[in-house]
C-alpha atoms as a PDB file:
ATOM      1  CA  UNK A   1      -4.493  22.286  17.860  1.00  0.00           C
ATOM      2  CA  UNK A   2      -5.760  20.561  14.756  1.00  0.00           C
ATOM      3  CA  UNK A   3      -5.631  17.395  12.763  1.00  0.00           C
ATOM      4  CA  UNK A   4      -3.608  17.124   9.573  1.00  0.00           C
ATOM      5  CA  UNK A   5      -4.193  15.117   6.390  1.00  0.00           C
ATOM      6  CA  UNK A   6      -0.841  13.660   5.335  1.00  0.00           C
ATOM      7  CA  UNK A   7       0.863  11.771   2.491  1.00  0.00           C
ATOM      8  CA  UNK A   8      -1.243   8.552   2.573  1.00  0.00           C
ATOM      9  CA  UNK A   9      -4.221  10.553   1.261  1.00  0.00           C
ATOM     10  CA  UNK A  10      -2.329  11.730  -1.837  1.00  0.00           C
ATOM     11  CA  UNK A  11      -3.747  10.046  -4.908  1.00  0.00           C
ATOM     12  CA  UNK A  12      -6.460   8.227  -2.945  1.00  0.00           C
ATOM     13  CA  UNK A  13      -8.661  11.012  -1.564  1.00  0.00           C
ATOM     14  CA  UNK A  14     -11.108   8.822   0.325  1.00  0.00           C
ATOM     15  CA  UNK A  15     -13.944  10.918   1.725  1.00  0.00           C
ATOM     16  CA  UNK A  16     -15.239   8.696   4.530  1.00  0.00           C
ATOM     17  CA  UNK A  17     -13.805  11.236   6.984  1.00  0.00           C
ATOM     18  CA  UNK A  18     -15.748  14.245   5.715  1.00  0.00           C
ATOM     19  CA  UNK A  19     -19.208  12.894   6.509  1.00  0.00           C
ATOM     20  CA  UNK A  20     -18.435  12.516  10.230  1.00  0.00           C
ATOM     21  CA  UNK A  21     -16.882  15.972  10.686  1.00  0.00           C
ATOM     22  CA  UNK A  22     -19.225  18.052  12.871  1.00  0.00           C
ATOM     23  CA  UNK A  23     -17.725  21.374  11.736  1.00  0.00           C
ATOM     24  CA  UNK A  24     -17.205  20.636   8.022  1.00  0.00           C
ATOM     25  CA  UNK A  25     -13.514  21.574   8.035  1.00  0.00           C
ATOM     26  CA  UNK A  26     -12.441  19.349   5.108  1.00  0.00           C
ATOM     27  CA  UNK A  27     -11.488  20.789   1.740  1.00  0.00           C
ATOM     28  CA  UNK A  28     -11.047  18.960  -1.560  1.00  0.00           C
ATOM     29  CA  UNK A  29      -7.837  19.409  -3.501  1.00  0.00           C
ATOM     30  CA  UNK A  30      -7.044  17.829  -6.860  1.00  0.00           C
ATOM     31  CA  UNK A  31      -5.046  14.972  -5.353  1.00  0.00           C
ATOM     32  CA  UNK A  32      -5.979  14.899  -1.653  1.00  0.00           C
ATOM     33  CA  UNK A  33      -8.114  16.353   1.112  1.00  0.00           C
ATOM     34  CA  UNK A  34      -7.067  19.089   3.519  1.00  0.00           C
ATOM     35  CA  UNK A  35      -8.224  20.065   6.998  1.00  0.00           C
ATOM     36  CA  UNK A  36      -8.528  23.780   7.740  1.00  0.00           C
ATOM     37  CA  UNK A  37      -6.536  24.209  10.972  1.00  0.00           C
ATOM     38  CA  UNK A  38      -8.579  27.174  12.182  1.00  0.00           C
ATOM     39  CA  UNK A  39     -11.861  25.288  11.767  1.00  0.00           C
ATOM     40  CA  UNK A  40     -10.879  21.885  13.197  1.00  0.00           C
ATOM     41  CA  UNK A  41     -12.179  21.416  16.744  1.00  0.00           C
ATOM     42  CA  UNK A  42      -9.913  18.438  17.411  1.00  0.00           C
ATOM     43  CA  UNK A  43     -12.786  16.015  17.994  1.00  0.00           C
ATOM     44  CA  UNK A  44     -10.959  13.081  16.316  1.00  0.00           C
ATOM     45  CA  UNK A  45     -14.156  11.776  14.659  1.00  0.00           C
ATOM     46  CA  UNK A  46     -12.373  11.639  11.300  1.00  0.00           C
ATOM     47  CA  UNK A  47      -9.326   9.645  12.416  1.00  0.00           C
ATOM     48  CA  UNK A  48     -10.870   6.149  12.612  1.00  0.00           C
ATOM     49  CA  UNK A  49     -12.848   6.732   9.391  1.00  0.00           C
ATOM     50  CA  UNK A  50      -9.786   7.147   7.171  1.00  0.00           C
ATOM     51  CA  UNK A  51      -9.110   3.804   5.445  1.00  0.00           C
ATOM     52  CA  UNK A  52      -5.483   4.725   4.657  1.00  0.00           C
ATOM     53  CA  UNK A  53      -4.679   6.206   8.094  1.00  0.00           C
ATOM     54  CA  UNK A  54      -3.763   9.591   6.662  1.00  0.00           C
ATOM     55  CA  UNK A  55      -5.120  11.811   9.461  1.00  0.00           C
ATOM     56  CA  UNK A  56      -2.948  12.725  12.430  1.00  0.00           C
ATOM     57  CA  UNK A  57      -3.157  15.115  15.349  1.00  0.00           C
ATOM     58  CA  UNK A  58      -0.539  17.767  14.632  1.00  0.00           C
ATOM     59  CA  UNK A  59       1.429  16.692  17.728  1.00  0.00           C
ATOM     60  CA  UNK A  60       1.590  13.107  16.403  1.00  0.00           C
ATOM     61  CA  UNK A  61       2.354  13.866  12.761  1.00  0.00           C
ATOM     62  CA  UNK A  62       5.256  11.647  11.648  1.00  0.00           C
ATOM     63  CA  UNK A  63       8.398  13.698  11.021  1.00  0.00           C
ATOM     64  CA  UNK A  64       8.629  12.504   7.408  1.00  0.00           C
ATOM     65  CA  UNK A  65       5.285  14.222   6.714  1.00  0.00           C
ATOM     66  CA  UNK A  66       5.924  17.415   8.715  1.00  0.00           C
ATOM     67  CA  UNK A  67       5.443  19.608   5.638  1.00  0.00           C
ATOM     68  CA  UNK A  68       1.778  18.551   5.487  1.00  0.00           C
ATOM     69  CA  UNK A  69       0.973  20.772   8.475  1.00  0.00           C
ATOM     70  CA  UNK A  70       1.834  23.846   6.403  1.00  0.00           C
ATOM     71  CA  UNK A  71       0.337  22.342   3.246  1.00  0.00           C
ATOM     72  CA  UNK A  72      -3.064  21.845   4.947  1.00  0.00           C
ATOM     73  CA  UNK A  73      -2.979  25.421   6.274  1.00  0.00           C
ATOM     74  CA  UNK A  74      -2.100  26.844   2.854  1.00  0.00           C
ATOM     75  CA  UNK A  75      -4.315  24.694   0.648  1.00  0.00           C
ATOM     76  CA  UNK A  76      -7.555  24.405   2.644  1.00  0.00           C
ATOM     77  CA  UNK A  77      -8.518  28.075   2.109  1.00  0.00           C
ATOM     78  CA  UNK A  78      -7.877  27.698  -1.645  1.00  0.00           C
ATOM     79  CA  UNK A  79     -10.018  24.585  -2.151  1.00  0.00           C
ATOM     80  CA  UNK A  80     -13.778  23.965  -2.080  1.00  0.00           C
ATOM     81  CA  UNK A  81     -15.308  22.644   1.138  1.00  0.00           C
ATOM     82  CA  UNK A  82     -16.373  19.001   0.945  1.00  0.00           C
ATOM     83  CA  UNK A  83     -19.157  17.560   3.133  1.00  0.00           C
ATOM     84  CA  UNK A  84     -20.395  14.530   1.203  1.00  0.00           C
ATOM     85  CA  UNK A  85     -18.818  11.208   0.368  1.00  0.00           C
ATOM     86  CA  UNK A  86     -17.456  10.831  -3.172  1.00  0.00           C
ATOM     87  CA  UNK A  87     -15.659   8.101  -5.086  1.00  0.00           C
ATOM     88  CA  UNK A  88     -11.962   8.046  -4.187  1.00  0.00           C
ATOM     89  CA  UNK A  89      -9.335   8.805  -6.807  1.00  0.00           C
ATOM     90  CA  UNK A  90      -7.787   5.355  -6.412  1.00  0.00           C
ATOM     91  CA  UNK A  91     -11.017   3.656  -7.501  1.00  0.00           C
ATOM     92  CA  UNK A  92     -11.441   1.482  -4.394  1.00  0.00           C
END
């Protein structure tokens, strides 16, 4: 099982979640972050850190964002790993 970054991250890309990840399974896309499903250890450390509540356990992913499970799996291997906090895209 893994956690999924969903729609609320798109265009914001807050990185508060990446600094608490013990296995560094976050990857930085142009518009949002992704979690590599094979690297996530399901510790949930990232969930409360996300200011836009964009991270869900795959079993609790809202149906309207179901495609993000596949999107995280496809995009994470194509993007650079991110381990440090950066300014979000939305400027907050």
